[in-house]
Protein backbone atom coordinates (compact mmCIF):
# COMPACT_ATOMS: atom_id res chain seq x y z
CA UNK A 1 77.12 95.14 80.62
CA UNK A 2 77.38 98.88 80.12
CA UNK A 3 74.44 99.40 82.42
CA UNK A 4 76.16 97.38 85.13
CA UNK A 5 79.27 99.52 84.71
CA UNK A 6 77.22 102.71 84.93
CA UNK A 7 75.47 101.43 88.05
CA UNK A 8 78.80 100.84 89.73
CA UNK A 9 80.02 104.31 88.77
CA UNK A 10 76.91 106.06 90.03
CA UNK A 11 76.37 104.15 93.23
CA UNK A 12 80.01 103.64 94.18
CA UNK A 13 79.66 99.87 94.29
CA UNK A 14 82.74 97.69 94.32
CA UNK A 15 84.04 96.71 90.90
CA UNK A 16 84.09 92.99 90.23
CA UNK A 17 83.62 93.14 86.48
CA UNK A 18 84.47 90.10 84.46
CA UNK A 19 85.15 92.17 81.38
CA UNK A 20 86.94 89.36 79.60
CA UNK A 21 83.55 87.80 78.93
CA UNK A 22 82.07 90.98 77.44
CA UNK A 23 81.12 91.15 73.81
CA UNK A 24 83.64 93.19 71.74
CA UNK A 25 81.16 96.04 71.31
CA UNK A 26 80.96 96.39 75.10
CA UNK A 27 84.69 97.00 75.52
CA UNK A 28 84.31 100.64 74.50
CA UNK A 29 82.53 102.88 77.03
CA UNK A 30 81.44 106.24 75.63
CA UNK A 31 81.00 108.96 78.27
CA UNK A 32 79.11 112.18 77.56
CA UNK A 33 80.76 115.35 78.84
CA UNK A 34 79.05 118.76 79.03
CA UNK A 35 82.14 120.68 80.07
CA UNK A 36 80.78 121.36 83.56
CA UNK A 37 83.31 121.50 86.39
CA UNK A 38 81.27 119.16 88.59
CA UNK A 39 81.14 116.43 85.95
CA UNK A 40 84.84 116.73 85.14
CA UNK A 41 85.90 114.91 88.31
CA UNK A 42 83.30 112.13 88.05
CA UNK A 43 84.00 111.53 84.36
CA UNK A 44 87.79 111.50 84.75
CA UNK A 45 87.55 109.16 87.74
CA UNK A 46 85.27 106.83 85.81
CA UNK A 47 87.56 106.85 82.80
CA UNK A 48 90.63 105.99 84.89
CA UNK A 49 88.89 103.10 86.65
CA UNK A 50 87.38 101.71 83.46
CA UNK A 51 90.67 101.90 81.60
CA UNK A 52 92.40 100.12 84.50
CA UNK A 53 89.82 97.34 84.22
CA UNK A 54 90.64 96.86 80.56
CA UNK A 55 87.87 98.88 78.97
CA UNK A 56 88.42 101.59 76.39
CA UNK A 57 86.68 104.61 77.96
CA UNK A 58 86.56 107.97 76.26
CA UNK A 59 84.71 111.25 76.69
CA UNK A 60 82.93 113.40 74.11
CA UNK A 61 81.94 117.03 74.65
CA UNK A 62 78.26 117.47 73.81
CA UNK A 63 75.34 119.77 74.50
CA UNK A 64 72.55 118.70 76.84
CA UNK A 65 69.94 117.95 74.18
CA UNK A 66 72.48 116.10 72.03
CA UNK A 67 73.55 114.05 75.04
CA UNK A 68 70.07 112.71 75.71
CA UNK A 69 69.47 112.02 72.02
CA UNK A 70 72.83 110.22 71.83
CA UNK A 71 71.93 108.03 74.82
CA UNK A 72 68.62 107.17 73.17
CA UNK A 73 70.29 106.35 69.85
CA UNK A 74 72.99 104.25 71.56
CA UNK A 75 75.71 106.68 70.49
CA UNK A 76 76.65 107.31 74.15
CA UNK A 77 76.71 104.92 77.10
CA UNK A 78 77.13 107.00 80.25
CA UNK A 79 76.07 110.48 81.36
CA UNK A 80 76.92 111.45 84.95
CA UNK A 81 75.47 114.97 84.91
CA UNK A 82 71.75 114.23 85.17
CA UNK A 83 70.52 116.88 87.63
CA UNK A 84 67.32 115.70 89.27
CA UNK A 85 64.60 116.77 89.68
CA UNK A 86 65.67 119.72 87.51
CA UNK A 87 65.91 117.65 84.32
CA UNK A 88 63.06 115.23 85.02
CA UNK A 89 60.36 117.34 83.40
CA UNK A 90 62.50 118.60 80.52
CA UNK A 91 63.61 115.12 79.45
CA UNK A 92 60.58 113.21 80.72
CA UNK A 93 59.99 111.38 77.43
CA UNK A 94 63.42 109.71 77.56
CA UNK A 95 62.78 108.33 81.03
CA UNK A 96 59.24 107.24 80.23
CA UNK A 97 60.13 105.30 77.08
CA UNK A 98 63.08 103.63 78.82
CA UNK A 99 65.69 104.92 76.37
CA UNK A 100 67.51 106.62 79.27
CA UNK A 101 67.66 104.85 82.61
CA UNK A 102 68.64 106.49 85.90
CA UNK A 103 70.82 104.02 87.77
CA UNK A 104 71.79 105.89 90.91
CA UNK A 105 73.08 109.08 92.54
CA UNK A 106 76.69 110.25 92.49
CA UNK A 107 76.31 113.56 94.34
CA UNK A 108 74.16 114.32 97.38
CA UNK A 109 73.12 117.73 98.69
CA UNK A 110 73.85 119.63 95.49
CA UNK A 111 71.91 122.78 94.59
CA UNK A 112 71.07 124.23 91.17
CA UNK A 113 70.42 127.94 91.61
CA UNK A 114 71.64 131.46 90.89
CA UNK A 115 74.85 132.81 92.36
CA UNK A 116 76.31 136.28 92.77
CA UNK A 117 79.77 137.54 93.78
CA UNK A 118 80.32 137.93 97.50
CA UNK A 119 80.39 141.72 97.37
CA UNK A 120 76.96 141.70 95.70
CA UNK A 121 75.54 139.47 98.42
CA UNK A 122 77.00 141.77 101.05
CA UNK A 123 75.28 144.69 99.29
CA UNK A 124 71.90 143.07 99.92
CA UNK A 125 71.23 140.64 97.07
CA UNK A 126 70.50 137.47 99.02
CA UNK A 127 67.33 136.17 97.35
CA UNK A 128 65.61 136.08 93.96
CA UNK A 129 63.27 138.79 95.28
CA UNK A 130 66.25 141.17 95.66
CA UNK A 131 67.26 141.08 91.99
CA UNK A 132 64.68 143.49 90.54
CA UNK A 133 65.65 146.26 92.96
CA UNK A 134 69.19 146.12 91.53
CA UNK A 135 68.17 145.81 87.87
CA UNK A 136 70.41 148.64 86.64
CA UNK A 137 73.51 147.14 88.23
CA UNK A 138 72.75 143.74 86.70
CA UNK A 139 71.82 145.32 83.35
CA UNK A 140 68.77 143.06 83.65
CA UNK A 141 70.82 140.05 82.59
CA UNK A 142 71.27 136.59 84.06
CA UNK A 143 74.22 134.70 82.60
CA UNK A 144 73.27 131.06 82.26
CA UNK A 145 74.50 127.68 81.09
CA UNK A 146 74.48 126.49 77.48
CA UNK A 147 71.21 126.37 75.47
CA UNK A 148 69.02 123.47 76.58
CA UNK A 149 70.00 123.76 80.26
CA UNK A 150 68.03 126.83 81.27
CA UNK A 151 64.37 125.93 81.00
CA UNK A 152 63.59 126.86 84.61
CA UNK A 153 65.18 130.31 84.22
CA UNK A 154 63.45 130.97 80.91
CA UNK A 155 60.12 129.90 82.38
CA UNK A 156 60.70 132.19 85.37
CA UNK A 157 61.28 135.17 83.07
CA UNK A 158 58.30 134.31 80.87
CA UNK A 159 56.05 134.07 83.93
CA UNK A 160 57.40 137.41 85.23
CA UNK A 161 58.16 135.90 88.62
CA UNK A 162 60.10 138.06 91.10
CA UNK A 163 59.39 141.08 88.81
CA UNK A 164 61.96 139.79 86.32
CA UNK A 165 59.72 139.77 83.26
CA UNK A 166 61.89 142.21 81.29
CA UNK A 167 65.19 140.53 82.18
CA UNK A 168 67.29 138.56 79.71
CA UNK A 169 68.79 135.09 80.11
CA UNK A 170 72.16 135.12 78.34
CA UNK A 171 73.07 131.57 77.33
CA UNK A 172 76.60 130.59 76.41
CA UNK A 173 78.47 127.67 74.91
CA UNK A 174 81.34 125.86 76.65
CA UNK A 175 84.57 126.26 74.77
CA UNK A 176 83.64 129.75 73.57
CA UNK A 177 83.83 133.05 75.39
CA UNK A 178 84.41 132.85 79.12
CA UNK A 179 81.39 132.97 81.40
CA UNK A 180 81.24 136.27 83.35
CA UNK A 181 81.36 134.20 86.54
CA UNK A 182 84.60 132.52 85.50
CA UNK A 183 88.16 133.74 85.16
CA UNK A 184 88.39 135.68 81.92
CA UNK A 185 84.76 136.80 82.02
CA UNK A 186 83.73 140.33 81.23
CA UNK A 187 83.07 141.44 84.80
CA UNK A 188 80.78 144.17 83.41
CA UNK A 189 78.47 145.76 85.96
CA UNK A 190 77.30 143.10 88.39
CA UNK A 191 77.20 139.42 87.47
CA UNK A 192 74.31 137.15 88.31
CA UNK A 193 74.91 133.71 86.88
CA UNK A 194 73.26 130.33 87.18
CA UNK A 195 75.40 127.77 88.90
CA UNK A 196 75.60 124.41 90.54
CA UNK A 197 75.80 124.95 94.27
CA UNK A 198 78.64 122.51 94.80
CA UNK A 199 80.70 123.98 91.97
CA UNK A 200 80.76 127.62 93.07
CA UNK A 201 82.32 129.41 96.02
CA UNK A 202 80.04 132.39 95.45
CA UNK A 203 76.90 133.04 97.55
CA UNK A 204 73.85 131.23 96.18
CA UNK A 205 70.38 132.75 96.12
């Protein structure tokens, strides 16, 4: 039953759920939350609809790796922040063994990339290839998402692509210090931070 609920949430299908016939253990719907701004709206919307239908929906703040493990171990029921194809390779084993099932798409045209403040873009940083030329201003740092979400960036640095081999990926945890790209961030030098294209008003590379 939980899979049917998740399918409706992802695909935007009409809700005609006969929840009165559900087993008691299916009345509670556990939603994984990573603290991302894009998932906040989808999770809160899902929770409101599910509660209105008589379910007991609740959200739990987790890290990415813990989220996938919790889905596999049946400790979580729904995760609406699966960024594909970005996460396909990193969490391939979960999809292949069937412990995590992708039921649909809830956001089209999104982009996972780096972003810089507008004044930095106007100064000439418009592509990954422009970063190395401004290494001193960036302090050779890319501020990223929480650990477990930055495999592509770490691989890029390790492979020395775009002449960024001596740069550092600074990972952070939600709920801790503010991200330099968010209100309350350090604002030191020039910020280059990883972001979800639909969740940032800053220019994306």
